[in-house]
PDB file of N, CA and C in Angstrom:
ATOM      1  N   MET A   1     -12.903 101.614  17.016  1.00  0.00           N
ATOM      2  CA  MET A   1     -12.236 102.858  16.749  1.00  0.00           C
ATOM      3  C   MET A   1     -13.175 103.845  16.068  1.00  0.00           C
ATOM      4  N   LYS A   2     -13.941 103.334  15.090  1.00  0.00           N
ATOM      5  CA  LYS A   2     -14.874 104.217  14.381  1.00  0.00           C
ATOM      6  C   LYS A   2     -15.923 104.766  15.330  1.00  0.00           C
ATOM      7  N   LYS A   3     -16.251 103.970  16.347  1.00  0.00           N
ATOM      8  CA  LYS A   3     -17.268 104.400  17.302  1.00  0.00           C
ATOM      9  C   LYS A   3     -16.799 105.603  18.116  1.00  0.00           C
ATOM     10  N   LEU A   4     -15.534 105.724  18.299  1.00  0.00           N
ATOM     11  CA  LEU A   4     -15.003 106.852  19.062  1.00  0.00           C
ATOM     12  C   LEU A   4     -14.809 108.092  18.205  1.00  0.00           C
ATOM     13  N   ILE A   5     -14.575 107.901  16.924  1.00  0.00           N
ATOM     14  CA  ILE A   5     -14.293 109.024  16.028  1.00  0.00           C
ATOM     15  C   ILE A   5     -15.526 109.896  15.826  1.00  0.00           C
ATOM     16  N   VAL A   6     -16.711 109.260  15.623  1.00  0.00           N
ATOM     17  CA  VAL A   6     -17.930 110.032  15.327  1.00  0.00           C
ATOM     18  C   VAL A   6     -18.316 110.926  16.503  1.00  0.00           C
ATOM     19  N   PRO A   7     -18.393 110.418  17.749  1.00  0.00           N
ATOM     20  CA  PRO A   7     -18.735 111.318  18.853  1.00  0.00           C
ATOM     21  C   PRO A   7     -17.679 112.404  19.074  1.00  0.00           C
ATOM     22  N   ALA A   8     -16.408 112.053  18.851  1.00  0.00           N
ATOM     23  CA  ALA A   8     -15.348 113.052  19.021  1.00  0.00           C
ATOM     24  C   ALA A   8     -15.499 114.173  17.998  1.00  0.00           C
ATOM     25  N   LEU A   9     -15.798 113.814  16.753  1.00  0.00           N
ATOM     26  CA  LEU A   9     -16.000 114.834  15.713  1.00  0.00           C
ATOM     27  C   LEU A   9     -17.222 115.691  16.018  1.00  0.00           C
ATOM     28  N   ALA A  10     -18.279 115.062  16.546  1.00  0.00           N
ATOM     29  CA  ALA A  10     -19.484 115.814  16.888  1.00  0.00           C
ATOM     30  C   ALA A  10     -19.188 116.798  18.010  1.00  0.00           C
ATOM     31  N   ALA A  11     -18.395 116.393  18.980  1.00  0.00           N
ATOM     32  CA  ALA A  11     -18.053 117.276  20.093  1.00  0.00           C
ATOM     33  C   ALA A  11     -17.199 118.443  19.602  1.00  0.00           C
ATOM     34  N   ILE A  12     -16.245 118.161  18.708  1.00  0.00           N
ATOM     35  CA  ILE A  12     -15.393 119.230  18.159  1.00  0.00           C
ATOM     36  C   ILE A  12     -16.236 120.203  17.342  1.00  0.00           C
ATOM     37  N   ALA A  13     -17.147 119.658  16.536  1.00  0.00           N
ATOM     38  CA  ALA A  13     -18.000 120.512  15.705  1.00  0.00           C
ATOM     39  C   ALA A  13     -18.897 121.369  16.574  1.00  0.00           C
ATOM     40  N   LEU A  14     -19.408 120.803  17.652  1.00  0.00           N
ATOM     41  CA  LEU A  14     -20.290 121.548  18.548  1.00  0.00           C
ATOM     42  C   LEU A  14     -19.512 122.645  19.273  1.00  0.00           C
ATOM     43  N   ALA A  15     -18.284 122.373  19.638  1.00  0.00           N
ATOM     44  CA  ALA A  15     -17.456 123.362  20.331  1.00  0.00           C
ATOM     45  C   ALA A  15     -17.127 124.534  19.413  1.00  0.00           C
ATOM     46  N   ALA A  16     -17.032 124.268  18.119  1.00  0.00           N
ATOM     47  CA  ALA A  16     -16.706 125.324  17.164  1.00  0.00           C
ATOM     48  C   ALA A  16     -17.905 126.212  16.860  1.00  0.00           C
ATOM     49  N   CYS A  17     -19.104 125.786  17.224  1.00  0.00           N
ATOM     50  CA  CYS A  17     -20.312 126.560  16.914  1.00  0.00           C
ATOM     51  C   CYS A  17     -20.473 127.726  17.877  1.00  0.00           C
ATOM     52  N   SER A  18     -21.303 128.690  17.464  1.00  0.00           N
ATOM     53  CA  SER A  18     -21.597 129.836  18.317  1.00  0.00           C
ATOM     54  C   SER A  18     -22.502 129.412  19.468  1.00  0.00           C
ATOM     55  N   GLN A  19     -22.598 130.273  20.472  1.00  0.00           N
ATOM     56  CA  GLN A  19     -23.464 129.978  21.626  1.00  0.00           C
ATOM     57  C   GLN A  19     -24.912 129.795  21.169  1.00  0.00           C
ATOM     58  N   ASN A  20     -25.346 130.593  20.210  1.00  0.00           N
ATOM     59  CA  ASN A  20     -26.715 130.493  19.690  1.00  0.00           C
ATOM     60  C   ASN A  20     -26.943 129.122  19.046  1.00  0.00           C
ATOM     61  N   ALA A  21     -26.004 128.678  18.247  1.00  0.00           N
ATOM     62  CA  ALA A  21     -26.125 127.373  17.593  1.00  0.00           C
ATOM     63  C   ALA A  21     -26.129 126.258  18.635  1.00  0.00           C
ATOM     64  N   GLN A  22     -25.304 126.405  19.681  1.00  0.00           N
ATOM     65  CA  GLN A  22     -25.275 125.406  20.735  1.00  0.00           C
ATOM     66  C   GLN A  22     -26.612 125.342  21.480  1.00  0.00           C
ATOM     67  N   ASN A  23     -27.221 126.501  21.742  1.00  0.00           N
ATOM     68  CA  ASN A  23     -28.518 126.554  22.425  1.00  0.00           C
ATOM     69  C   ASN A  23     -29.612 125.894  21.574  1.00  0.00           C
ATOM     70  N   GLU A  24     -29.599 126.200  20.294  1.00  0.00           N
ATOM     71  CA  GLU A  24     -30.600 125.604  19.401  1.00  0.00           C
ATOM     72  C   GLU A  24     -30.416 124.093  19.303  1.00  0.00           C
ATOM     73  N   THR A  25     -29.173 123.653  19.264  1.00  0.00           N
ATOM     74  CA  THR A  25     -28.898 122.220  19.221  1.00  0.00           C
ATOM     75  C   THR A  25     -29.386 121.554  20.505  1.00  0.00           C
ATOM     76  N   SER A  26     -29.154 122.213  21.617  1.00  0.00           N
ATOM     77  CA  SER A  26     -29.608 121.685  22.908  1.00  0.00           C
ATOM     78  C   SER A  26     -31.134 121.615  22.968  1.00  0.00           C
ATOM     79  N   GLU A  27     -31.788 122.643  22.486  1.00  0.00           N
ATOM     80  CA  GLU A  27     -33.257 122.649  22.466  1.00  0.00           C
ATOM     81  C   GLU A  27     -33.797 121.544  21.555  1.00  0.00           C
ATOM     82  N   ALA A  28     -33.158 121.364  20.436  1.00  0.00           N
ATOM     83  CA  ALA A  28     -33.585 120.300  19.513  1.00  0.00           C
ATOM     84  C   ALA A  28     -33.402 118.930  20.169  1.00  0.00           C
ATOM     85  N   ALA A  29     -32.288 118.754  20.863  1.00  0.00           N
ATOM     86  CA  ALA A  29     -32.047 117.484  21.558  1.00  0.00           C
ATOM     87  C   ALA A  29     -33.089 117.263  22.646  1.00  0.00           C
ATOM     88  N   ASN A  30     -33.446 118.305  23.359  1.00  0.00           N
ATOM     89  CA  ASN A  30     -34.487 118.195  24.399  1.00  0.00           C
ATOM     90  C   ASN A  30     -35.836 117.838  23.785  1.00  0.00           C
ATOM     91  N   ALA A  31     -36.143 118.435  22.633  1.00  0.00           N
ATOM     92  CA  ALA A  31     -37.404 118.125  21.957  1.00  0.00           C
ATOM     93  C   ALA A  31     -37.428 116.660  21.509  1.00  0.00           C
ATOM     94  N   VAL A  32     -36.308 116.195  20.985  1.00  0.00           N
ATOM     95  CA  VAL A  32     -36.221 114.788  20.567  1.00  0.00           C
ATOM     96  C   VAL A  32     -36.397 113.878  21.775  1.00  0.00           C
ATOM     97  N   ALA A  33     -35.771 114.234  22.884  1.00  0.00           N
ATOM     98  CA  ALA A  33     -35.875 113.427  24.108  1.00  0.00           C
ATOM     99  C   ALA A  33     -37.332 113.408  24.605  1.00  0.00           C
ATOM    100  N   ALA A  34     -37.998 114.561  24.562  1.00  0.00           N
ATOM    101  CA  ALA A  34     -39.397 114.631  25.003  1.00  0.00           C
ATOM    102  C   ALA A  34     -40.292 113.795  24.089  1.00  0.00           C
ATOM    103  N   ASP A  35     -40.055 113.880  22.770  1.00  0.00           N
ATOM    104  CA  ASP A  35     -40.832 113.067  21.827  1.00  0.00           C
ATOM    105  C   ASP A  35     -40.607 111.579  22.082  1.00  0.00           C
ATOM    106  N   THR A  36     -39.372 111.221  22.341  1.00  0.00           N
ATOM    107  CA  THR A  36     -39.043 109.814  22.620  1.00  0.00           C
ATOM    108  C   THR A  36     -39.758 109.345  23.887  1.00  0.00           C
ATOM    109  N   ALA A  37     -39.764 110.175  24.910  1.00  0.00           N
ATOM    110  CA  ALA A  37     -40.434 109.822  26.161  1.00  0.00           C
ATOM    111  C   ALA A  37     -41.936 109.667  25.945  1.00  0.00           C
ATOM    112  N   ALA A  38     -42.531 110.584  25.182  1.00  0.00           N
ATOM    113  CA  ALA A  38     -43.973 110.498  24.916  1.00  0.00           C
ATOM    114  C   ALA A  38     -44.306 109.249  24.100  1.00  0.00           C
ATOM    115  N   THR A  39     -43.492 108.962  23.110  1.00  0.00           N
ATOM    116  CA  THR A  39     -43.716 107.780  22.277  1.00  0.00           C
ATOM    117  C   THR A  39     -43.590 106.511  23.108  1.00  0.00           C
ATOM    118  N   THR A  40     -42.597 106.468  23.973  1.00  0.00           N
ATOM    119  CA  THR A  40     -42.404 105.311  24.847  1.00  0.00           C
ATOM    120  C   THR A  40     -43.591 105.149  25.779  1.00  0.00           C
ATOM    121  N   SER A  41     -44.059 106.248  26.344  1.00  0.00           N
ATOM    122  CA  SER A  41     -45.217 106.195  27.243  1.00  0.00           C
ATOM    123  C   SER A  41     -46.460 105.690  26.511  1.00  0.00           C
ATOM    124  N   ASN A  42     -46.676 106.174  25.299  1.00  0.00           N
ATOM    125  CA  ASN A  42     -47.818 105.710  24.501  1.00  0.00           C
ATOM    126  C   ASN A  42     -47.685 104.224  24.174  1.00  0.00           C
ATOM    127  N   ALA A  43     -46.480 103.798  23.853  1.00  0.00           N
ATOM    128  CA  ALA A  43     -46.259 102.383  23.526  1.00  0.00           C
ATOM    129  C   ALA A  43     -46.543 101.507  24.744  1.00  0.00           C
ATOM    130  N   VAL A  44     -46.116 101.943  25.911  1.00  0.00           N
ATOM    131  CA  VAL A  44     -46.379 101.183  27.139  1.00  0.00           C
ATOM    132  C   VAL A  44     -47.886 101.106  27.391  1.00  0.00           C
ATOM    133  N   GLY A  45     -48.577 102.216  27.195  1.00  0.00           N
ATOM    134  CA  GLY A  45     -50.030 102.215  27.361  1.00  0.00           C
ATOM    135  C   GLY A  45     -50.712 101.264  26.389  1.00  0.00           C
ATOM    136  N   ASP A  46     -50.249 101.274  25.143  1.00  0.00           N
ATOM    137  CA  ASP A  46     -50.838 100.375  24.138  1.00  0.00           C
ATOM    138  C   ASP A  46     -50.592  98.911  24.489  1.00  0.00           C
ATOM    139  N   VAL A  47     -49.380  98.611  24.953  1.00  0.00           N
ATOM    140  CA  VAL A  47     -49.064  97.229  25.334  1.00  0.00           C
ATOM    141  C   VAL A  47     -49.907  96.815  26.537  1.00  0.00           C
ATOM    142  N   ASP A  48     -50.061  97.711  27.506  1.00  0.00           N
ATOM    143  CA  ASP A  48     -50.893  97.399  28.681  1.00  0.00           C
ATOM    144  C   ASP A  48     -52.338  97.134  28.269  1.00  0.00           C
ATOM    145  N   ALA A  49     -52.868  97.967  27.398  1.00  0.00           N
ATOM    146  CA  ALA A  49     -54.249  97.787  26.952  1.00  0.00           C
ATOM    147  C   ALA A  49     -54.408  96.479  26.184  1.00  0.00           C
ATOM    148  N   ALA A  50     -53.461  96.165  25.316  1.00  0.00           N
ATOM    149  CA  ALA A  50     -53.529  94.912  24.551  1.00  0.00           C
ATOM    150  C   ALA A  50     -53.424  93.711  25.485  1.00  0.00           C
ATOM    151  N   THR A  51     -52.580  93.812  26.488  1.00  0.00           N
ATOM    152  CA  THR A  51     -52.439  92.721  27.463  1.00  0.00           C
ATOM    153  C   THR A  51     -53.739  92.525  28.235  1.00  0.00           C
ATOM    154  N   ASP A  52     -54.351  93.619  28.660  1.00  0.00           N
ATOM    155  CA  ASP A  52     -55.632  93.525  29.378  1.00  0.00           C
ATOM    156  C   ASP A  52     -56.707  92.878  28.513  1.00  0.00           C
ATOM    157  N   ARG A  53     -56.765  93.263  27.234  1.00  0.00           N
ATOM    158  CA  ARG A  53     -57.760  92.671  26.339  1.00  0.00           C
ATOM    159  C   ARG A  53     -57.502  91.182  26.143  1.00  0.00           C
ATOM    160  N   ALA A  54     -56.239  90.814  25.980  1.00  0.00           N
ATOM    161  CA  ALA A  54     -55.899  89.403  25.772  1.00  0.00           C
ATOM    162  C   ALA A  54     -56.237  88.583  27.011  1.00  0.00           C
ATOM    163  N   LEU A  55     -55.924  89.111  28.176  1.00  0.00           N
ATOM    164  CA  LEU A  55     -56.233  88.389  29.411  1.00  0.00           C
ATOM    165  C   LEU A  55     -57.743  88.280  29.618  1.00  0.00           C
ATOM    166  N   GLY A  56     -58.473  89.342  29.287  1.00  0.00           N
ATOM    167  CA  GLY A  56     -59.932  89.290  29.400  1.00  0.00           C
ATOM    168  C   GLY A  56     -60.525  88.251  28.464  1.00  0.00           C
ATOM    169  N   SER A  57     -59.997  88.193  27.261  1.00  0.00           N
ATOM    170  CA  SER A  57     -60.469  87.199  26.297  1.00  0.00           C
ATOM    171  C   SER A  57     -60.155  85.793  26.763  1.00  0.00           C
ATOM    172  N   ALA A  58     -58.959  85.590  27.291  1.00  0.00           N
ATOM    173  CA  ALA A  58     -58.575  84.262  27.790  1.00  0.00           C
ATOM    174  C   ALA A  58     -59.462  83.852  28.958  1.00  0.00           C
ATOM    175  N   GLU A  59     -59.768  84.801  29.833  1.00  0.00           N
ATOM    176  CA  GLU A  59     -60.635  84.507  30.978  1.00  0.00           C
ATOM    177  C   GLU A  59     -62.038  84.121  30.513  1.00  0.00           C
ATOM    178  N   ALA A  60     -62.545  84.846  29.538  1.00  0.00           N
ATOM    179  CA  ALA A  60     -63.878  84.520  29.002  1.00  0.00           C
ATOM    180  C   ALA A  60     -63.882  83.138  28.363  1.00  0.00           C
ATOM    181  N   ASN A  61     -62.830  82.808  27.628  1.00  0.00           N
ATOM    182  CA  ASN A  61     -62.741  81.486  26.996  1.00  0.00           C
ATOM    183  C   ASN A  61     -62.683  80.383  28.042  1.00  0.00           C
ATOM    184  N   LEU A  62     -61.943  80.606  29.118  1.00  0.00           N
ATOM    185  CA  LEU A  62     -61.886  79.613  30.194  1.00  0.00           C
ATOM    186  C   LEU A  62     -63.241  79.460  30.878  1.00  0.00           C
ATOM    187  N   ASP A  63     -63.935  80.580  31.082  1.00  0.00           N
ATOM    188  CA  ASP A  63     -65.273  80.508  31.676  1.00  0.00           C
ATOM    189  C   ASP A  63     -66.210  79.708  30.781  1.00  0.00           C
ATOM    190  N   ASN A  64     -66.149  79.960  29.475  1.00  0.00           N
ATOM    191  CA  ASN A  64     -67.007  79.230  28.533  1.00  0.00           C
ATOM    192  C   ASN A  64     -66.660  77.748  28.523  1.00  0.00           C
ATOM    193  N   ALA A  65     -65.377  77.437  28.569  1.00  0.00           N
ATOM    194  CA  ALA A  65     -64.970  76.031  28.579  1.00  0.00           C
ATOM    195  C   ALA A  65     -65.469  75.347  29.847  1.00  0.00           C
ATOM    196  N   GLY A  66     -65.357  76.026  30.965  1.00  0.00           N
ATOM    197  CA  GLY A  66     -65.855  75.466  32.224  1.00  0.00           C
ATOM    198  C   GLY A  66     -67.354  75.222  32.183  1.00  0.00           C
ATOM    199  N   ALA A  67     -68.089  76.162  31.612  1.00  0.00           N
ATOM    200  CA  ALA A  67     -69.543  76.007  31.504  1.00  0.00           C
ATOM    201  C   ALA A  67     -69.886  74.832  30.584  1.00  0.00           C
ATOM    202  N   ASN A  68     -69.136  74.671  29.495  1.00  0.00           N
ATOM    203  CA  ASN A  68     -69.381  73.552  28.584  1.00  0.00           C
ATOM    204  C   ASN A  68     -69.106  72.216  29.259  1.00  0.00           C
ATOM    205  N   VAL A  69     -68.033  72.153  30.033  1.00  0.00           N
ATOM    206  CA  VAL A  69     -67.714  70.917  30.753  1.00  0.00           C
ATOM    207  C   VAL A  69     -68.815  70.608  31.769  1.00  0.00           C
ATOM    208  N   GLU A  70     -69.263  71.644  32.454  1.00  0.00           N
ATOM    209  CA  GLU A  70     -70.323  71.444  33.455  1.00  0.00           C
ATOM    210  C   GLU A  70     -71.614  70.948  32.806  1.00  0.00           C
ATOM    211  N   ARG A  71     -71.982  71.548  31.669  1.00  0.00           N
ATOM    212  CA  ARG A  71     -73.198  71.093  30.967  1.00  0.00           C
ATOM    213  C   ARG A  71     -73.050  69.651  30.503  1.00  0.00           C
ATOM    214  N   GLY A  72     -71.874  69.299  29.993  1.00  0.00           N
ATOM    215  CA  GLY A  72     -71.622  67.931  29.546  1.00  0.00           C
ATOM    216  C   GLY A  72     -71.710  66.953  30.707  1.00  0.00           C
ATOM    217  N   ALA A  73     -71.150  67.335  31.844  1.00  0.00           N
ATOM    218  CA  ALA A  73     -71.211  66.459  33.026  1.00  0.00           C
ATOM    219  C   ALA A  73     -72.662  66.311  33.503  1.00  0.00           C
ATOM    220  N   ASP A  74     -73.414  67.397  33.460  1.00  0.00           N
ATOM    221  CA  ASP A  74     -74.834  67.319  33.850  1.00  0.00           C
ATOM    222  C   ASP A  74     -75.605  66.382  32.933  1.00  0.00           C
ATOM    223  N   ARG A  75     -75.367  66.500  31.626  1.00  0.00           N
ATOM    224  CA  ARG A  75     -76.064  65.622  30.675  1.00  0.00           C
ATOM    225  C   ARG A  75     -75.665  64.164  30.890  1.00  0.00           C
ATOM    226  N   ALA A  76     -74.382  63.927  31.133  1.00  0.00           N
ATOM    227  CA  ALA A  76     -73.932  62.556  31.382  1.00  0.00           C
ATOM    228  C   ALA A  76     -74.571  62.015  32.660  1.00  0.00           C
ATOM    229  N   GLY A  77     -74.630  62.843  33.692  1.00  0.00           N
ATOM    230  CA  GLY A  77     -75.269  62.431  34.942  1.00  0.00           C
ATOM    231  C   GLY A  77     -76.736  62.123  34.744  1.00  0.00           C
ATOM    232  N   ASP A  78     -77.425  62.953  33.988  1.00  0.00           N
ATOM    233  CA  ASP A  78     -78.850  62.716  33.706  1.00  0.00           C
ATOM    234  C   ASP A  78     -79.037  61.418  32.931  1.00  0.00           C
ATOM    235  N   SER A  79     -78.176  61.186  31.954  1.00  0.00           N
ATOM    236  CA  SER A  79     -78.270  59.970  31.150  1.00  0.00           C
ATOM    237  C   SER A  79     -78.041  58.732  32.014  1.00  0.00           C
ATOM    238  N   ILE A  80     -77.055  58.793  32.899  1.00  0.00           N
ATOM    239  CA  ILE A  80     -76.790  57.663  33.795  1.00  0.00           C
ATOM    240  C   ILE A  80     -77.979  57.436  34.721  1.00  0.00           C
ATOM    241  N   GLU A  81     -78.510  58.527  35.244  1.00  0.00           N
ATOM    242  CA  GLU A  81     -79.664  58.411  36.151  1.00  0.00           C
ATOM    243  C   GLU A  81     -80.866  57.789  35.434  1.00  0.00           C
ATOM    244  N   ASN A  82     -81.119  58.225  34.208  1.00  0.00           N
ATOM    245  CA  ASN A  82     -82.237  57.657  33.439  1.00  0.00           C
ATOM    246  C   ASN A  82     -82.004  56.169  33.165  1.00  0.00           C
ATOM    247  N   GLY A  83     -80.773  55.816  32.834  1.00  0.00           N
ATOM    248  CA  GLY A  83     -80.448  54.413  32.584  1.00  0.00           C
ATOM    249  C   GLY A  83     -80.644  53.578  33.843  1.00  0.00           C
ATOM    250  N   LEU A  84     -80.244  54.095  34.981  1.00  0.00           N
ATOM    251  CA  LEU A  84     -80.431  53.367  36.238  1.00  0.00           C
ATOM    252  C   LEU A  84     -81.914  53.228  36.583  1.00  0.00           C
ATOM    253  N   ASP A  85     -82.680  54.279  36.308  1.00  0.00           N
ATOM    254  CA  ASP A  85     -84.122  54.191  36.556  1.00  0.00           C
ATOM    255  C   ASP A  85     -84.745  53.086  35.697  1.00  0.00           C
ATOM    256  N   ARG A  86     -84.363  53.037  34.419  1.00  0.00           N
ATOM    257  CA  ARG A  86     -84.907  51.998  33.530  1.00  0.00           C
ATOM    258  C   ARG A  86     -84.462  50.607  33.976  1.00  0.00           C
ATOM    259  N   THR A  87     -83.204  50.506  34.402  1.00  0.00           N
ATOM    260  CA  THR A  87     -82.699  49.217  34.876  1.00  0.00           C
ATOM    261  C   THR A  87     -83.452  48.777  36.132  1.00  0.00           C
ATOM    262  N   GLY A  88     -83.655  49.710  37.038  1.00  0.00           N
ATOM    263  CA  GLY A  88     -84.409  49.401  38.263  1.00  0.00           C
ATOM    264  C   GLY A  88     -85.825  48.961  37.947  1.00  0.00           C
ATOM    265  N   ALA A  89     -86.478  49.635  37.008  1.00  0.00           N
ATOM    266  CA  ALA A  89     -87.845  49.274  36.620  1.00  0.00           C
ATOM    267  C   ALA A  89     -87.864  47.882  35.989  1.00  0.00           C
ATOM    268  N   ALA A  90     -86.866  47.575  35.147  1.00  0.00           N
ATOM    269  CA  ALA A  90     -86.816  46.254  34.507  1.00  0.00           C
ATOM    270  C   ALA A  90     -86.608  45.161  35.547  1.00  0.00           C
ATOM    271  N   ILE A  91     -85.745  45.412  36.521  1.00  0.00           N
ATOM    272  CA  ILE A  91     -85.521  44.428  37.582  1.00  0.00           C
ATOM    273  C   ILE A  91     -86.795  44.225  38.399  1.00  0.00           C
ATOM    274  N   SER A  92     -87.448  45.332  38.717  1.00  0.00           N
ATOM    275  CA  SER A  92     -88.691  45.248  39.500  1.00  0.00           C
ATOM    276  C   SER A  92     -89.766  44.477  38.741  1.00  0.00           C
ATOM    277  N   ASN A  93     -89.901  44.767  37.444  1.00  0.00           N
ATOM    278  CA  ASN A  93     -90.898  44.058  36.632  1.00  0.00           C
ATOM    279  C   ASN A  93     -90.557  42.568  36.536  1.00  0.00           C
ATOM    280  N   GLY A  94     -89.250  42.267  36.369  1.00  0.00           N
ATOM    281  CA  GLY A  94     -88.819  40.871  36.306  1.00  0.00           C
ATOM    282  C   GLY A  94     -89.092  40.147  37.616  1.00  0.00           C
ATOM    283  N   ALA A  95     -88.837  40.823  38.724  1.00  0.00           N
ATOM    284  CA  ALA A  95     -89.098  40.216  40.038  1.00  0.00           C
ATOM    285  C   ALA A  95     -90.590  39.992  40.241  1.00  0.00           C
ATOM    286  N   ASP A  96     -91.421  40.939  39.799  1.00  0.00           N
ATOM    287  CA  ASP A  96     -92.878  40.774  39.910  1.00  0.00           C
ATOM    288  C   ASP A  96     -93.341  39.573  39.089  1.00  0.00           C
ATOM    289  N   ARG A  97     -92.824  39.448  37.877  1.00  0.00           N
ATOM    290  CA  ARG A  97     -93.229  38.307  37.042  1.00  0.00           C
ATOM    291  C   ARG A  97     -92.768  36.977  37.664  1.00  0.00           C
ATOM    292  N   ALA A  98     -91.553  37.003  38.230  1.00  0.00           N
ATOM    293  CA  ALA A  98     -91.050  35.783  38.875  1.00  0.00           C
ATOM    294  C   ALA A  98     -91.905  35.424  40.091  1.00  0.00           C
ATOM    295  N   ALA A  99     -92.291  36.430  40.857  1.00  0.00           N
ATOM    296  CA  ALA A  99     -93.138  36.180  42.026  1.00  0.00           C
ATOM    297  C   ALA A  99     -94.500  35.656  41.580  1.00  0.00           C
ATOM    298  N   ASP A 100     -95.054  36.241  40.524  1.00  0.00           N
ATOM    299  CA  ASP A 100     -96.353  35.767  40.006  1.00  0.00           C
ATOM    300  C   ASP A 100     -96.240  34.323  39.521  1.00  0.00           C
ATOM    301  N   ALA A 101     -95.152  34.032  38.808  1.00  0.00           N
ATOM    302  CA  ALA A 101     -94.973  32.669  38.299  1.00  0.00           C
ATOM    303  C   ALA A 101     -94.790  31.691  39.450  1.00  0.00           C
ATOM    304  N   THR A 102     -94.044  32.087  40.468  1.00  0.00           N
ATOM    305  CA  THR A 102     -93.832  31.215  41.628  1.00  0.00           C
ATOM    306  C   THR A 102     -95.147  30.991  42.367  1.00  0.00           C
ATOM    307  N   GLY A 103     -95.904  32.043  42.552  1.00  0.00           N
ATOM    308  CA  GLY A 103     -97.214  31.914  43.220  1.00  0.00           C
ATOM    309  C   GLY A 103     -98.139  31.014  42.444  1.00  0.00           C
ATOM    310  N   SER A 104     -98.150  31.179  41.136  1.00  0.00           N
ATOM    311  CA  SER A 104     -98.999  30.335  40.290  1.00  0.00           C
ATOM    312  C   SER A 104     -98.567  28.878  40.376  1.00  0.00           C
ATOM    313  N   ALA A 105     -97.248  28.650  40.358  1.00  0.00           N
ATOM    314  CA  ALA A 105     -96.735  27.277  40.441  1.00  0.00           C
ATOM    315  C   ALA A 105     -97.092  26.665  41.790  1.00  0.00           C
ATOM    316  N   LEU A 106     -97.021  27.449  42.840  1.00  0.00           N
ATOM    317  CA  LEU A 106     -97.366  26.938  44.176  1.00  0.00           C
ATOM    318  C   LEU A 106     -98.858  26.615  44.277  1.00  0.00           C
ATOM    319  N   GLU A 107     -99.676  27.487  43.664  1.00  0.00           N
ATOM    320  CA  GLU A 107    -101.121  27.218  43.674  1.00  0.00           C
ATOM    321  C   GLU A 107    -101.418  25.931  42.927  1.00  0.00           C
ATOM    322  N   LYS A 108    -100.775  25.738  41.782  1.00  0.00           N
ATOM    323  CA  LYS A 108    -101.006  24.517  40.999  1.00  0.00           C
ATOM    324  C   LYS A 108    -100.519  23.276  41.779  1.00  0.00           C
ATOM    325  N   ALA A 109     -99.369  23.424  42.450  1.00  0.00           N
ATOM    326  CA  ALA A 109     -98.852  22.296  43.233  1.00  0.00           C
ATOM    327  C   ALA A 109     -99.792  21.982  44.379  1.00  0.00           C
ATOM    328  N   GLY A 110    -100.310  23.017  45.012  1.00  0.00           N
ATOM    329  CA  GLY A 110    -101.251  22.820  46.110  1.00  0.00           C
ATOM    330  C   GLY A 110    -102.527  22.163  45.624  1.00  0.00           C
ATOM    331  N   ALA A 111    -102.992  22.552  44.458  1.00  0.00           N
ATOM    332  CA  ALA A 111    -104.221  21.965  43.901  1.00  0.00           C
ATOM    333  C   ALA A 111    -103.999  20.489  43.589  1.00  0.00           C
ATOM    334  N   LYS A 112    -102.822  20.152  43.086  1.00  0.00           N
ATOM    335  CA  LYS A 112    -102.516  18.763  42.766  1.00  0.00           C
ATOM    336  C   LYS A 112    -102.427  17.926  44.028  1.00  0.00           C
ATOM    337  N   LEU A 113    -101.919  18.545  45.090  1.00  0.00           N
ATOM    338  CA  LEU A 113    -101.818  17.813  46.361  1.00  0.00           C
ATOM    339  C   LEU A 113    -103.211  17.535  46.938  1.00  0.00           C
ATOM    340  N   LYS A 114    -104.163  18.393  46.718  1.00  0.00           N
ATOM    341  CA  LYS A 114    -105.525  18.215  47.218  1.00  0.00           C
ATOM    342  C   LYS A 114    -106.204  17.064  46.480  1.00  0.00           C
ATOM    343  N   ASP A 115    -105.895  16.855  45.268  1.00  0.00           N
ATOM    344  CA  ASP A 115    -106.558  15.825  44.462  1.00  0.00           C
ATOM    345  C   ASP A 115    -106.102  14.519  44.871  1.00  0.00           C
TER     346      ASP A 115
END
């Protein structure tokens, strides 16, 4: 009920005013509406700019995270490769020593057979 009384009183008060007062009131209302529109437009622009900055920052952070993961994977791959190289060298050296020992044992066995 109170919500209806205030606009009704405003309409009655406006009707009682002179044409000049009504024109000035209308101009003031138009100025308020224009200010509101400009403020809203500025607020939308500010929100758009803030959103663009936030998205740009998030994109940069994701790019950095991807680069860090890639570097970590490269280092892990290099470490595995180095470990495999060392393992291969150890196996090769062990096989060479085994072959040398076998050859030596065969030579000794052959020498004993000659005697």
